[in-house]
Amino acid sequence: MKILVAIKRVVDPGVRVRPFADGSGMDLAAAKMSINPFCEIAVEAAIRLKEQGFASEILVVSVGPAVVQEQLRAALALGADRAIHINTDEPLEPLSIAKLLRAVVIQEGPGLILLGKQSIDGDNNQTGQMLAALCNYPQGTFASKINPMGDEVHVTRELDGGLQTLALSLPAVITTDLRLNQPRFPTMPNIIKARQKPLRTLTPAELGIDMELRVITESLAIPRSRPAGVKVQSVTELLEKLRTEARVL
């Protein structure tokens, strides 16, 4: 069985970025970029399923400009078998990405699709759900455990009230959460081998997908600074401050 893993290029989690002065976007010129952490977990999940004999091939897919190939090569170094880069310089939103991924799903016919539950830049948490709806596949989101069971995959997902286990018939879409696994580091031999693994480039036009934006970001700004908190000596003083200063009572 083939597993398709969608990954995204994002600013490294350890880097702090700031918006441009005019609010037109984020200044990423010198920022270190990496695979989205949740996507790394999805790649690791696919590798472990292959090691268990559940899958025979891992295909990684990413959408974005030419520099996205850096992250695809990194995923190949981790253990993926081949990659597809959907090359576009257009702004991206979850629905457009889901449509592009669906076109790849139609071409490749994977038995399982893994995505990170969200990206750490947009934090939309929408692409996996949209892809499942477009493909009409069952979905398991926020997965903390994945167990293949014959023609099904059992997914334990984290909810506010506890854990829920779903039995999904294949093909299916799963989005991964933090506690699913701890991603491995690539070894030097695998990094060298990744340079020779196949990486195919497509365009949205070749896939027949319209990249028209439906959501537009008007401006970006850093949050306003808040005054430091103060300690109060009694409940009476707290209530007085809430009435007179905060005016919430």
C-alpha atoms as a PDB file:
ATOM      1  CA  MET A   1       0.000   0.000   0.000  1.00  0.00           C
ATOM      2  CA  LYS A   2       1.101   3.559  -0.714  1.00  0.00           C
ATOM      3  CA  ILE A   3       1.042   6.303   1.916  1.00  0.00           C
ATOM      4  CA  LEU A   4       0.868   9.939   0.831  1.00  0.00           C
ATOM      5  CA  VAL A   5       2.208  12.507   3.304  1.00  0.00           C
ATOM      6  CA  ALA A   6       1.623  16.225   2.769  1.00  0.00           C
ATOM      7  CA  ILE A   7       4.253  18.524   4.278  1.00  0.00           C
ATOM      8  CA  LYS A   8       4.644  22.294   4.516  1.00  0.00           C
ATOM      9  CA  ARG A   9       7.652  24.631   4.612  1.00  0.00           C
ATOM     10  CA  VAL A  10       7.412  26.968   7.610  1.00  0.00           C
ATOM     11  CA  VAL A  11       9.666  29.172   9.709  1.00  0.00           C
ATOM     12  CA  ASP A  12      11.707  27.081  12.133  1.00  0.00           C
ATOM     13  CA  PRO A  13       9.901  26.944  15.528  1.00  0.00           C
ATOM     14  CA  GLY A  14      12.957  28.382  17.262  1.00  0.00           C
ATOM     15  CA  VAL A  15      12.964  31.568  15.152  1.00  0.00           C
ATOM     16  CA  ARG A  16      11.030  34.728  16.039  1.00  0.00           C
ATOM     17  CA  VAL A  17       9.776  36.804  13.123  1.00  0.00           C
ATOM     18  CA  ARG A  18       8.226  40.251  12.859  1.00  0.00           C
ATOM     19  CA  PRO A  19       5.839  41.819  10.352  1.00  0.00           C
ATOM     20  CA  PHE A  20       6.920  44.472   7.872  1.00  0.00           C
ATOM     21  CA  ALA A  21       6.365  48.052   9.022  1.00  0.00           C
ATOM     22  CA  ASP A  22       3.516  48.502   6.521  1.00  0.00           C
ATOM     23  CA  GLY A  23       1.768  45.302   7.708  1.00  0.00           C
ATOM     24  CA  SER A  24       1.912  43.731   4.245  1.00  0.00           C
ATOM     25  CA  GLY A  25       3.454  40.469   5.433  1.00  0.00           C
ATOM     26  CA  MET A  26       6.115  38.811   7.569  1.00  0.00           C
ATOM     27  CA  ASP A  27       9.819  39.514   7.159  1.00  0.00           C
ATOM     28  CA  LEU A  28      11.190  36.053   6.370  1.00  0.00           C
ATOM     29  CA  ALA A  29      14.219  37.072   4.292  1.00  0.00           C
ATOM     30  CA  ALA A  30      16.806  35.730   6.743  1.00  0.00           C
ATOM     31  CA  ALA A  31      14.622  33.288   8.663  1.00  0.00           C
ATOM     32  CA  LYS A  32      15.611  29.637   8.972  1.00  0.00           C
ATOM     33  CA  MET A  33      12.968  27.384   7.409  1.00  0.00           C
ATOM     34  CA  SER A  34      12.082  23.777   8.191  1.00  0.00           C
ATOM     35  CA  ILE A  35       9.361  21.146   7.848  1.00  0.00           C
ATOM     36  CA  ASN A  36       6.277  22.039   9.871  1.00  0.00           C
ATOM     37  CA  PRO A  37       6.614  20.096  13.184  1.00  0.00           C
ATOM     38  CA  PHE A  38       3.219  18.395  12.831  1.00  0.00           C
ATOM     39  CA  CYS A  39       4.179  17.364   9.279  1.00  0.00           C
ATOM     40  CA  GLU A  40       7.406  15.814  10.610  1.00  0.00           C
ATOM     41  CA  ILE A  41       5.249  13.712  12.925  1.00  0.00           C
ATOM     42  CA  ALA A  42       3.171  12.611   9.911  1.00  0.00           C
ATOM     43  CA  VAL A  43       6.338  11.608   8.033  1.00  0.00           C
ATOM     44  CA  GLU A  44       7.573   9.634  11.053  1.00  0.00           C
ATOM     45  CA  ALA A  45       4.177   7.907  11.340  1.00  0.00           C
ATOM     46  CA  ALA A  46       4.371   6.852   7.686  1.00  0.00           C
ATOM     47  CA  ILE A  47       7.915   5.510   8.134  1.00  0.00           C
ATOM     48  CA  ARG A  48       6.879   3.450  11.170  1.00  0.00           C
ATOM     49  CA  LEU A  49       3.881   2.026   9.297  1.00  0.00           C
ATOM     50  CA  LYS A  50       6.209   1.020   6.465  1.00  0.00           C
ATOM     51  CA  GLU A  51       8.618  -0.575   8.930  1.00  0.00           C
ATOM     52  CA  GLN A  52       5.671  -2.591  10.294  1.00  0.00           C
ATOM     53  CA  GLY A  53       4.960  -3.888   6.788  1.00  0.00           C
ATOM     54  CA  PHE A  54       1.696  -1.956   6.473  1.00  0.00           C
ATOM     55  CA  ALA A  55       2.968   0.133   3.540  1.00  0.00           C
ATOM     56  CA  SER A  56       5.308  -0.454   0.627  1.00  0.00           C
ATOM     57  CA  GLU A  57       5.906   3.157  -0.482  1.00  0.00           C
ATOM     58  CA  ILE A  58       5.893   6.642   1.055  1.00  0.00           C
ATOM     59  CA  LEU A  59       5.200   9.623  -1.186  1.00  0.00           C
ATOM     60  CA  VAL A  60       5.688  13.148   0.188  1.00  0.00           C
ATOM     61  CA  VAL A  61       3.985  16.137  -1.428  1.00  0.00           C
ATOM     62  CA  SER A  62       4.397  19.858  -0.843  1.00  0.00           C
ATOM     63  CA  VAL A  63       3.043  23.021  -2.433  1.00  0.00           C
ATOM     64  CA  GLY A  64       4.982  26.253  -2.831  1.00  0.00           C
ATOM     65  CA  PRO A  65       7.920  27.926  -4.603  1.00  0.00           C
ATOM     66  CA  ALA A  66      11.126  26.203  -5.719  1.00  0.00           C
ATOM     67  CA  VAL A  67      12.733  26.444  -2.254  1.00  0.00           C
ATOM     68  CA  VAL A  68      10.133  23.944  -0.958  1.00  0.00           C
ATOM     69  CA  GLN A  69      12.304  21.220  -2.493  1.00  0.00           C
ATOM     70  CA  GLU A  70      14.681  21.661   0.469  1.00  0.00           C
ATOM     71  CA  GLN A  71      12.009  20.328   2.808  1.00  0.00           C
ATOM     72  CA  LEU A  72      11.032  17.574   0.377  1.00  0.00           C
ATOM     73  CA  ARG A  73      14.656  16.409   0.263  1.00  0.00           C
ATOM     74  CA  ALA A  74      14.703  16.504   4.067  1.00  0.00           C
ATOM     75  CA  ALA A  75      11.638  14.235   4.150  1.00  0.00           C
ATOM     76  CA  LEU A  76      13.308  11.888   1.660  1.00  0.00           C
ATOM     77  CA  ALA A  77      16.336  11.782   3.972  1.00  0.00           C
ATOM     78  CA  LEU A  78      14.068  10.774   6.845  1.00  0.00           C
ATOM     79  CA  GLY A  79      12.825   7.744   4.900  1.00  0.00           C
ATOM     80  CA  ALA A  80      10.264   8.733   2.258  1.00  0.00           C
ATOM     81  CA  ASP A  81      10.700   7.028  -1.121  1.00  0.00           C
ATOM     82  CA  ARG A  82       9.823   9.793  -3.573  1.00  0.00           C
ATOM     83  CA  ALA A  83       8.434  13.304  -3.675  1.00  0.00           C
ATOM     84  CA  ILE A  84       6.141  15.556  -5.676  1.00  0.00           C
ATOM     85  CA  HIS A  85       6.577  19.323  -5.662  1.00  0.00           C
ATOM     86  CA  ILE A  86       3.606  21.412  -6.812  1.00  0.00           C
ATOM     87  CA  ASN A  87       5.455  24.533  -7.902  1.00  0.00           C
ATOM     88  CA  THR A  88       3.650  27.842  -7.421  1.00  0.00           C
ATOM     89  CA  ASP A  89       4.546  31.325  -6.218  1.00  0.00           C
ATOM     90  CA  GLU A  90       0.894  32.204  -5.646  1.00  0.00           C
ATOM     91  CA  PRO A  91      -0.414  32.839  -2.103  1.00  0.00           C
ATOM     92  CA  LEU A  92      -1.882  29.661  -0.632  1.00  0.00           C
ATOM     93  CA  GLU A  93      -4.947  28.921   1.458  1.00  0.00           C
ATOM     94  CA  PRO A  94      -6.252  25.599   2.847  1.00  0.00           C
ATOM     95  CA  LEU A  95      -8.915  25.018   0.181  1.00  0.00           C
ATOM     96  CA  SER A  96      -6.478  25.534  -2.698  1.00  0.00           C
ATOM     97  CA  ILE A  97      -3.959  23.183  -1.091  1.00  0.00           C
ATOM     98  CA  ALA A  98      -6.665  20.570  -0.458  1.00  0.00           C
ATOM     99  CA  LYS A  99      -7.743  20.724  -4.120  1.00  0.00           C
ATOM    100  CA  LEU A 100      -4.147  20.317  -5.300  1.00  0.00           C
ATOM    101  CA  LEU A 101      -3.635  17.355  -2.975  1.00  0.00           C
ATOM    102  CA  ARG A 102      -6.880  15.776  -4.183  1.00  0.00           C
ATOM    103  CA  ALA A 103      -5.598  15.983  -7.764  1.00  0.00           C
ATOM    104  CA  VAL A 104      -2.439  14.157  -6.684  1.00  0.00           C
ATOM    105  CA  VAL A 105      -4.529  11.578  -4.791  1.00  0.00           C
ATOM    106  CA  ILE A 106      -6.484  10.875  -7.977  1.00  0.00           C
ATOM    107  CA  GLN A 107      -3.233  10.363  -9.907  1.00  0.00           C
ATOM    108  CA  GLU A 108      -1.417   8.281  -7.294  1.00  0.00           C
ATOM    109  CA  GLY A 109      -4.210   6.355  -5.562  1.00  0.00           C
ATOM    110  CA  PRO A 110      -2.713   6.126  -2.046  1.00  0.00           C
ATOM    111  CA  GLY A 111      -4.366   3.880   0.524  1.00  0.00           C
ATOM    112  CA  LEU A 112      -3.648   6.283   3.381  1.00  0.00           C
ATOM    113  CA  ILE A 113      -3.098  10.060   3.516  1.00  0.00           C
ATOM    114  CA  LEU A 114      -1.295  11.655   6.451  1.00  0.00           C
ATOM    115  CA  LEU A 115      -1.054  15.366   7.252  1.00  0.00           C
ATOM    116  CA  GLY A 116      -0.024  17.418  10.249  1.00  0.00           C
ATOM    117  CA  LYS A 117      -3.117  18.621  12.093  1.00  0.00           C
ATOM    118  CA  GLN A 118      -2.120  22.253  11.402  1.00  0.00           C
ATOM    119  CA  SER A 119       0.805  24.430  10.360  1.00  0.00           C
ATOM    120  CA  ILE A 120       2.514  26.617  12.932  1.00  0.00           C
ATOM    121  CA  ASP A 121       2.323  29.693  10.691  1.00  0.00           C
ATOM    122  CA  GLY A 122      -1.315  29.869   9.595  1.00  0.00           C
ATOM    123  CA  ASP A 123      -2.719  27.627  12.385  1.00  0.00           C
ATOM    124  CA  ASN A 124      -5.814  27.030  10.254  1.00  0.00           C
ATOM    125  CA  ASN A 125      -6.339  23.311  10.991  1.00  0.00           C
ATOM    126  CA  GLN A 126      -8.433  22.972   7.821  1.00  0.00           C
ATOM    127  CA  THR A 127      -6.510  21.278   5.002  1.00  0.00           C
ATOM    128  CA  GLY A 128      -6.874  17.679   6.202  1.00  0.00           C
ATOM    129  CA  GLN A 129     -10.594  18.005   6.809  1.00  0.00           C
ATOM    130  CA  MET A 130     -11.149  19.717   3.444  1.00  0.00           C
ATOM    131  CA  LEU A 131      -9.134  17.042   1.640  1.00  0.00           C
ATOM    132  CA  ALA A 132     -11.168  14.251   3.266  1.00  0.00           C
ATOM    133  CA  ALA A 133     -14.401  15.971   2.229  1.00  0.00           C
ATOM    134  CA  LEU A 134     -13.217  16.526  -1.360  1.00  0.00           C
ATOM    135  CA  CYS A 135     -12.105  12.886  -1.661  1.00  0.00           C
ATOM    136  CA  ASN A 136     -15.160  11.593   0.239  1.00  0.00           C
ATOM    137  CA  TYR A 137     -12.806   9.597   2.502  1.00  0.00           C
ATOM    138  CA  PRO A 138     -13.264   8.849   6.212  1.00  0.00           C
ATOM    139  CA  GLN A 139     -11.054  10.979   8.445  1.00  0.00           C
ATOM    140  CA  GLY A 140      -9.404  10.786  11.837  1.00  0.00           C
ATOM    141  CA  THR A 141      -8.110  14.115  13.138  1.00  0.00           C
ATOM    142  CA  PHE A 142      -5.752  14.922  16.049  1.00  0.00           C
ATOM    143  CA  ALA A 143      -4.401  11.361  16.005  1.00  0.00           C
ATOM    144  CA  SER A 144      -2.321  10.316  19.021  1.00  0.00           C
ATOM    145  CA  LYS A 145      -2.184   6.626  18.029  1.00  0.00           C
ATOM    146  CA  ILE A 146      -2.500   4.812  14.683  1.00  0.00           C
ATOM    147  CA  ASN A 147      -3.004   1.029  14.528  1.00  0.00           C
ATOM    148  CA  PRO A 148      -3.408  -0.738  11.161  1.00  0.00           C
ATOM    149  CA  MET A 149      -5.941  -3.575  11.350  1.00  0.00           C
ATOM    150  CA  GLY A 150      -6.252  -5.366   8.015  1.00  0.00           C
ATOM    151  CA  ASP A 151      -8.458  -3.314   5.701  1.00  0.00           C
ATOM    152  CA  GLU A 152      -8.990  -0.729   8.427  1.00  0.00           C
ATOM    153  CA  VAL A 153      -6.898   1.641  10.470  1.00  0.00           C
ATOM    154  CA  HIS A 154      -7.806   2.377  14.087  1.00  0.00           C
ATOM    155  CA  VAL A 155      -7.121   5.967  15.093  1.00  0.00           C
ATOM    156  CA  THR A 156      -7.101   7.209  18.677  1.00  0.00           C
ATOM    157  CA  ARG A 157      -7.772  10.929  18.679  1.00  0.00           C
ATOM    158  CA  GLU A 158      -7.538  13.498  21.441  1.00  0.00           C
ATOM    159  CA  LEU A 159     -10.670  15.402  22.433  1.00  0.00           C
ATOM    160  CA  ASP A 160     -11.323  17.968  25.137  1.00  0.00           C
ATOM    161  CA  GLY A 161     -13.106  15.325  27.179  1.00  0.00           C
ATOM    162  CA  GLY A 162     -10.667  12.445  26.679  1.00  0.00           C
ATOM    163  CA  LEU A 163      -9.760   9.946  23.960  1.00  0.00           C
ATOM    164  CA  GLN A 164     -11.855   8.574  21.101  1.00  0.00           C
ATOM    165  CA  THR A 165     -10.950   5.598  18.919  1.00  0.00           C
ATOM    166  CA  LEU A 166     -12.268   5.392  15.358  1.00  0.00           C
ATOM    167  CA  ALA A 167     -12.142   2.458  12.944  1.00  0.00           C
ATOM    168  CA  LEU A 168     -11.577   3.925   9.463  1.00  0.00           C
ATOM    169  CA  SER A 169     -11.994   1.961   6.268  1.00  0.00           C
ATOM    170  CA  LEU A 170      -9.258   2.576   3.717  1.00  0.00           C
ATOM    171  CA  PRO A 171      -8.488   4.816   1.915  1.00  0.00           C
ATOM    172  CA  ALA A 172      -8.629   7.389   4.696  1.00  0.00           C
ATOM    173  CA  VAL A 173      -7.220  10.747   5.791  1.00  0.00           C
ATOM    174  CA  ILE A 174      -5.477  11.157   9.167  1.00  0.00           C
ATOM    175  CA  THR A 175      -4.107  14.338  10.721  1.00  0.00           C
ATOM    176  CA  THR A 176      -1.387  13.906  13.339  1.00  0.00           C
ATOM    177  CA  ASP A 177      -1.072  15.413  16.815  1.00  0.00           C
ATOM    178  CA  LEU A 178       1.995  16.025  18.977  1.00  0.00           C
ATOM    179  CA  ARG A 179       1.779  12.899  21.106  1.00  0.00           C
ATOM    180  CA  LEU A 180       1.674  10.471  18.188  1.00  0.00           C
ATOM    181  CA  ASN A 181       5.468  10.038  18.047  1.00  0.00           C
ATOM    182  CA  GLN A 182       8.904  11.627  18.304  1.00  0.00           C
ATOM    183  CA  PRO A 183      10.383  12.232  14.825  1.00  0.00           C
ATOM    184  CA  ARG A 184      13.798  10.746  14.129  1.00  0.00           C
ATOM    185  CA  PHE A 185      16.876  12.578  12.888  1.00  0.00           C
ATOM    186  CA  PRO A 186      18.211  11.818   9.393  1.00  0.00           C
ATOM    187  CA  THR A 187      21.484   9.923   9.158  1.00  0.00           C
ATOM    188  CA  MET A 188      24.299  11.086   6.894  1.00  0.00           C
ATOM    189  CA  PRO A 189      23.984   8.077   4.530  1.00  0.00           C
ATOM    190  CA  ASN A 190      20.257   8.757   4.144  1.00  0.00           C
ATOM    191  CA  ILE A 191      20.895  12.451   3.481  1.00  0.00           C
ATOM    192  CA  ILE A 192      23.243  11.450   0.644  1.00  0.00           C
ATOM    193  CA  LYS A 193      20.777   8.875  -0.710  1.00  0.00           C
ATOM    194  CA  ALA A 194      17.981  11.474  -0.664  1.00  0.00           C
ATOM    195  CA  ARG A 195      19.755  13.437  -3.391  1.00  0.00           C
ATOM    196  CA  GLN A 196      19.185  10.546  -5.782  1.00  0.00           C
ATOM    197  CA  LYS A 197      15.565   9.806  -4.909  1.00  0.00           C
ATOM    198  CA  PRO A 198      12.953  10.870  -7.504  1.00  0.00           C
ATOM    199  CA  LEU A 199      11.387  14.315  -7.095  1.00  0.00           C
ATOM    200  CA  ARG A 200       8.726  15.233  -9.633  1.00  0.00           C
ATOM    201  CA  THR A 201       7.609  18.801 -10.250  1.00  0.00           C
ATOM    202  CA  LEU A 202       4.039  19.725 -11.239  1.00  0.00           C
ATOM    203  CA  THR A 203       2.133  22.995 -11.513  1.00  0.00           C
ATOM    204  CA  PRO A 204      -1.435  23.870 -10.501  1.00  0.00           C
ATOM    205  CA  ALA A 205      -2.230  24.402 -14.197  1.00  0.00           C
ATOM    206  CA  GLU A 206      -1.109  20.841 -15.007  1.00  0.00           C
ATOM    207  CA  LEU A 207      -3.405  19.583 -12.263  1.00  0.00           C
ATOM    208  CA  GLY A 208      -6.274  21.768 -13.493  1.00  0.00           C
ATOM    209  CA  ILE A 209      -6.662  23.668 -10.216  1.00  0.00           C
ATOM    210  CA  ASP A 210      -7.703  27.318  -9.891  1.00  0.00           C
ATOM    211  CA  MET A 211      -5.581  29.151  -7.306  1.00  0.00           C
ATOM    212  CA  GLU A 212      -8.007  32.050  -6.777  1.00  0.00           C
ATOM    213  CA  LEU A 213      -7.891  33.278  -3.178  1.00  0.00           C
ATOM    214  CA  ARG A 214     -11.135  33.353  -1.206  1.00  0.00           C
ATOM    215  CA  VAL A 215      -9.614  34.716   1.994  1.00  0.00           C
ATOM    216  CA  ILE A 216      -7.405  37.806   1.889  1.00  0.00           C
ATOM    217  CA  THR A 217      -5.165  39.004   4.727  1.00  0.00           C
ATOM    218  CA  GLU A 218      -5.465  42.778   4.865  1.00  0.00           C
ATOM    219  CA  SER A 219      -2.632  43.473   7.325  1.00  0.00           C
ATOM    220  CA  LEU A 220      -0.424  41.959  10.006  1.00  0.00           C
ATOM    221  CA  ALA A 221       0.725  43.575  13.256  1.00  0.00           C
ATOM    222  CA  ILE A 222       2.379  42.506  16.496  1.00  0.00           C
ATOM    223  CA  PRO A 223       0.061  42.409  19.533  1.00  0.00           C
ATOM    224  CA  ARG A 224      -0.121  45.525  21.661  1.00  0.00           C
ATOM    225  CA  SER A 225       2.019  45.421  24.778  1.00  0.00           C
ATOM    226  CA  ARG A 226       0.100  44.971  28.021  1.00  0.00           C
ATOM    227  CA  PRO A 227       0.950  46.595  31.358  1.00  0.00           C
ATOM    228  CA  ALA A 228       2.605  44.397  33.948  1.00  0.00           C
ATOM    229  CA  GLY A 229       0.391  42.719  36.513  1.00  0.00           C
ATOM    230  CA  VAL A 230       0.242  43.810  40.135  1.00  0.00           C
ATOM    231  CA  LYS A 231      -0.088  41.882  43.383  1.00  0.00           C
ATOM    232  CA  VAL A 232      -2.964  42.636  45.713  1.00  0.00           C
ATOM    233  CA  GLN A 233      -3.001  42.102  49.468  1.00  0.00           C
ATOM    234  CA  SER A 234      -6.607  41.016  49.882  1.00  0.00           C
ATOM    235  CA  VAL A 235      -9.789  39.987  48.132  1.00  0.00           C
ATOM    236  CA  THR A 236     -11.273  43.363  49.000  1.00  0.00           C
ATOM    237  CA  GLU A 237      -8.465  45.166  47.184  1.00  0.00           C
ATOM    238  CA  LEU A 238      -8.848  42.814  44.190  1.00  0.00           C
ATOM    239  CA  LEU A 239     -12.566  43.543  43.923  1.00  0.00           C
ATOM    240  CA  GLU A 240     -11.910  47.269  44.179  1.00  0.00           C
ATOM    241  CA  LYS A 241      -9.405  47.170  41.331  1.00  0.00           C
ATOM    242  CA  LEU A 242     -11.744  45.089  39.194  1.00  0.00           C
ATOM    243  CA  ARG A 243     -14.469  47.695  39.725  1.00  0.00           C
ATOM    244  CA  THR A 244     -12.485  50.907  39.403  1.00  0.00           C
ATOM    245  CA  GLU A 245      -9.522  50.074  37.167  1.00  0.00           C
ATOM    246  CA  ALA A 246     -10.449  47.078  35.037  1.00  0.00           C
ATOM    247  CA  ARG A 247     -14.167  47.970  35.142  1.00  0.00           C
ATOM    248  CA  VAL A 248     -15.247  44.396  34.651  1.00  0.00           C
ATOM    249  CA  LEU A 249     -17.593  44.260  37.633  1.00  0.00           C
END
